[in-house]
Amino acid sequence: MKRFWDSVVRAIVSGVLVVLPVYLAALLVLRLLQSLAGLVQPIAGLLPDWLPAGGNLLALLILLTFCFLIGAAMRTPTGQAVRERLESSVFEKIPGYSLFRALTRQVAGVSYGSVWKPCLAEIEEALVPAFIIEELDDDGGYTVFVPSVPTPLAGAVYILTRERVHPLDVPFAQAIKAVARWGSGSKELVAAMKAQKA
């Protein structure tokens, strides 16, 4: 019975880790749009009557322009330095931020620093989809992150010997998709492992 309640609690926590960032981001965007719509109301009155929701449309365009300018600034050397300073002093102190950032960057195909390499790890006599976080220098083992199903934002970290970790030559997004779909698509991961050994 205790094992059942432990799994229920883990499932709830995993769900919260997925839903909460999405909810907070949507809430923030809606609040920004609402504030901007109030600010641009005098200008929206000058727009033609045939334009539906002119104030909201203008607020959305301003928000998208602002996001574009911030994104372009972050690509400059000064912007990258500011981003790194903000991340190290503020954002990395938020629980789960580093993991969420790494996962979203991998899914988007953008990597800063080390790349999470998809693999199959041998855990308790079974193969599980996992990601190599780093290679250990002393004995050639790996630090491996095994995500929870179906939430890749939660999971467990293992330090395994090289023999128990099978790196895969598959895209990161394919491995994450297998986790998010309750294991559907894992046969392609196993096929990739067997093809590399052949």
Protein backbone atom coordinates (compact mmCIF):
# COMPACT_ATOMS: atom_id res chain seq x y z
CA MET A 1 0.00 0.00 0.00
CA LYS A 2 2.87 2.33 0.86
CA ARG A 3 4.41 1.69 -2.57
CA PHE A 4 1.10 2.66 -4.22
CA TRP A 5 0.90 5.98 -2.35
CA ASP A 6 4.57 6.69 -3.09
CA SER A 7 3.90 6.23 -6.81
CA VAL A 8 0.79 8.47 -6.59
CA VAL A 9 2.79 11.22 -4.88
CA ARG A 10 5.61 10.90 -7.45
CA ALA A 11 3.10 11.13 -10.30
CA ILE A 12 1.51 14.25 -8.79
CA VAL A 13 4.90 15.92 -8.28
CA SER A 14 5.94 15.05 -11.85
CA GLY A 15 2.70 16.51 -13.19
CA VAL A 16 3.16 19.70 -11.17
CA LEU A 17 6.69 20.09 -12.55
CA VAL A 18 5.25 20.07 -16.08
CA VAL A 19 2.05 22.07 -15.54
CA LEU A 20 3.40 24.77 -13.22
CA PRO A 21 6.02 26.33 -15.59
CA VAL A 22 3.53 26.29 -18.49
CA TYR A 23 0.81 27.84 -16.31
CA LEU A 24 3.13 30.54 -14.94
CA ALA A 25 4.41 31.40 -18.43
CA ALA A 26 0.85 31.66 -19.80
CA LEU A 27 -0.23 33.74 -16.79
CA LEU A 28 2.72 36.09 -17.25
CA VAL A 29 2.01 36.55 -20.97
CA LEU A 30 -1.68 37.25 -20.32
CA ARG A 31 -0.84 39.77 -17.58
CA LEU A 32 1.64 41.52 -19.87
CA LEU A 33 -0.89 41.64 -22.70
CA GLN A 34 -3.55 43.03 -20.36
CA SER A 35 -1.20 45.75 -19.07
CA LEU A 36 -0.03 46.65 -22.58
CA ALA A 37 -3.61 46.76 -23.88
CA GLY A 38 -4.43 49.36 -21.23
CA LEU A 39 -1.36 51.43 -22.12
CA VAL A 40 -1.99 51.42 -25.87
CA GLN A 41 -5.73 52.13 -25.61
CA PRO A 42 -5.35 55.79 -26.71
CA ILE A 43 -3.34 54.69 -29.77
CA ALA A 44 -5.79 51.84 -30.48
CA GLY A 45 -8.55 54.44 -30.85
CA LEU A 46 -6.75 55.73 -33.95
CA LEU A 47 -6.89 52.34 -35.66
CA PRO A 48 -9.64 51.67 -38.25
CA ASP A 49 -12.94 50.28 -36.96
CA TRP A 50 -12.80 47.25 -39.25
CA LEU A 51 -9.72 45.96 -37.36
CA PRO A 52 -11.02 43.51 -34.72
CA ALA A 53 -9.65 43.86 -31.17
CA GLY A 54 -7.28 46.62 -32.23
CA GLY A 55 -5.94 47.28 -28.72
CA ASN A 56 -5.23 43.62 -28.05
CA LEU A 57 -3.63 43.16 -31.47
CA LEU A 58 -1.42 46.20 -30.95
CA ALA A 59 -0.43 44.95 -27.47
CA LEU A 60 0.46 41.53 -28.94
CA LEU A 61 2.59 43.13 -31.66
CA ILE A 62 4.43 45.25 -29.06
CA LEU A 63 5.05 42.18 -26.88
CA LEU A 64 6.34 40.14 -29.84
CA THR A 65 8.60 43.03 -30.91
CA PHE A 66 9.94 43.32 -27.36
CA CYS A 67 10.63 39.55 -27.22
CA PHE A 68 12.38 39.75 -30.61
CA LEU A 69 14.61 42.62 -29.43
CA ILE A 70 15.50 40.79 -26.20
CA GLY A 71 16.27 37.61 -28.15
CA ALA A 72 18.45 39.51 -30.63
CA ALA A 73 20.27 41.28 -27.77
CA MET A 74 20.94 37.94 -26.07
CA ARG A 75 22.86 36.79 -29.15
CA THR A 76 25.45 39.55 -28.77
CA PRO A 77 28.55 39.00 -26.58
CA THR A 78 27.31 41.59 -24.07
CA GLY A 79 23.85 39.98 -23.98
CA GLN A 80 25.34 36.54 -23.40
CA ALA A 81 27.44 37.89 -20.53
CA VAL A 82 24.35 39.49 -18.95
CA ARG A 83 22.36 36.26 -19.42
CA GLU A 84 25.08 34.15 -17.81
CA ARG A 85 25.36 36.54 -14.87
CA LEU A 86 21.57 36.54 -14.34
CA GLU A 87 21.40 32.75 -14.58
CA SER A 88 24.22 32.16 -12.12
CA SER A 89 23.11 34.77 -9.58
CA VAL A 90 19.30 34.46 -9.76
CA PHE A 91 17.74 31.76 -11.92
CA GLU A 92 19.93 28.78 -10.96
CA LYS A 93 18.81 29.25 -7.35
CA ILE A 94 15.25 28.38 -8.41
CA PRO A 95 14.69 24.62 -7.88
CA GLY A 96 14.41 22.75 -11.18
CA TYR A 97 15.48 25.71 -13.34
CA SER A 98 18.75 24.15 -14.54
CA LEU A 99 17.03 20.92 -15.55
CA PHE A 100 14.15 22.73 -17.27
CA ARG A 101 16.61 24.99 -19.14
CA ALA A 102 18.74 22.06 -20.28
CA LEU A 103 15.73 20.09 -21.49
CA THR A 104 14.15 22.98 -23.37
CA ARG A 105 17.47 23.82 -25.03
CA GLN A 106 17.98 20.22 -26.07
CA VAL A 107 14.45 19.95 -27.48
CA ALA A 108 14.94 23.24 -29.34
CA GLY A 109 18.27 21.99 -30.73
CA VAL A 110 20.26 24.68 -28.92
CA SER A 111 23.03 23.61 -26.61
CA TYR A 112 25.20 25.67 -24.33
CA GLY A 113 27.90 23.55 -22.77
CA SER A 114 27.48 19.82 -22.42
CA VAL A 115 24.95 17.94 -24.52
CA TRP A 116 22.69 15.32 -22.98
CA LYS A 117 23.39 12.21 -25.02
CA PRO A 118 20.50 9.73 -25.28
CA CYS A 119 21.30 6.24 -24.09
CA LEU A 120 19.80 3.04 -22.73
CA ALA A 121 20.95 2.32 -19.19
CA GLU A 122 20.89 -1.04 -17.45
CA ILE A 123 18.94 -0.53 -14.20
CA GLU A 124 17.79 -3.55 -12.16
CA GLU A 125 18.15 -6.07 -14.99
CA ALA A 126 16.26 -3.86 -17.45
CA LEU A 127 17.07 -1.30 -20.13
CA VAL A 128 15.64 2.18 -19.48
CA PRO A 129 15.73 5.32 -21.67
CA ALA A 130 18.20 7.76 -20.12
CA PHE A 131 20.60 10.60 -20.87
CA ILE A 132 24.34 10.79 -20.30
CA ILE A 133 25.01 13.93 -18.27
CA GLU A 134 28.78 13.58 -17.99
CA GLU A 135 31.58 11.10 -18.42
CA LEU A 136 33.62 10.32 -15.32
CA ASP A 137 37.35 10.79 -15.67
CA ASP A 138 38.68 8.27 -13.16
CA ASP A 139 37.08 4.97 -14.19
CA GLY A 140 35.36 5.77 -17.48
CA GLY A 141 31.85 5.51 -16.06
CA TYR A 142 28.93 7.86 -16.65
CA THR A 143 26.58 10.08 -14.69
CA VAL A 144 23.17 9.22 -16.13
CA PHE A 145 19.78 10.92 -15.71
CA VAL A 146 16.78 8.60 -15.95
CA PRO A 147 13.60 10.66 -16.49
CA SER A 148 10.25 9.69 -15.01
CA VAL A 149 7.48 8.60 -17.35
CA PRO A 150 5.75 10.58 -18.78
CA THR A 151 7.48 13.66 -17.31
CA PRO A 152 11.08 14.25 -18.38
CA LEU A 153 11.48 17.06 -15.81
CA ALA A 154 11.69 14.62 -12.90
CA GLY A 155 13.69 11.48 -12.47
CA ALA A 156 16.73 9.93 -10.84
CA VAL A 157 20.48 10.29 -11.27
CA TYR A 158 22.74 7.21 -11.40
CA ILE A 159 26.49 6.79 -11.61
CA LEU A 160 27.04 3.69 -13.73
CA THR A 161 29.95 1.79 -15.18
CA ARG A 162 30.59 2.03 -18.91
CA GLU A 163 29.32 -1.54 -19.47
CA ARG A 164 25.84 -0.63 -18.16
CA VAL A 165 25.39 2.44 -20.39
CA HIS A 166 24.66 2.14 -24.11
CA PRO A 167 24.96 5.53 -25.92
CA LEU A 168 22.54 5.94 -28.83
CA ASP A 169 23.01 7.76 -32.10
CA VAL A 170 19.46 9.19 -32.13
CA PRO A 171 18.16 12.77 -31.82
CA PHE A 172 17.49 14.05 -28.31
CA ALA A 173 13.87 14.85 -29.24
CA GLN A 174 13.26 11.20 -30.26
CA ALA A 175 14.42 9.92 -26.87
CA ILE A 176 12.33 12.50 -24.98
CA LYS A 177 9.30 11.59 -27.10
CA ALA A 178 9.62 7.93 -26.06
CA VAL A 179 9.57 8.98 -22.40
CA ALA A 180 6.64 11.39 -22.84
CA ARG A 181 4.60 8.73 -24.68
CA TRP A 182 4.84 6.15 -21.91
CA GLY A 183 7.56 4.21 -23.73
CA SER A 184 5.95 4.17 -27.17
CA GLY A 185 8.82 4.41 -29.65
CA SER A 186 11.32 2.60 -27.42
CA LYS A 187 11.70 -0.12 -30.06
CA GLU A 188 13.53 2.43 -32.24
CA LEU A 189 15.91 3.12 -29.34
CA VAL A 190 16.60 -0.60 -28.89
CA ALA A 191 17.08 -0.97 -32.66
CA ALA A 192 19.58 1.91 -32.63
CA MET A 193 21.51 0.21 -29.81
CA LYS A 194 21.61 -3.12 -31.67
CA ALA A 195 22.66 -1.39 -34.93
CA GLN A 196 25.59 0.30 -33.15
CA LYS A 197 26.76 -3.00 -31.67
CA ALA A 198 26.55 -4.82 -35.01
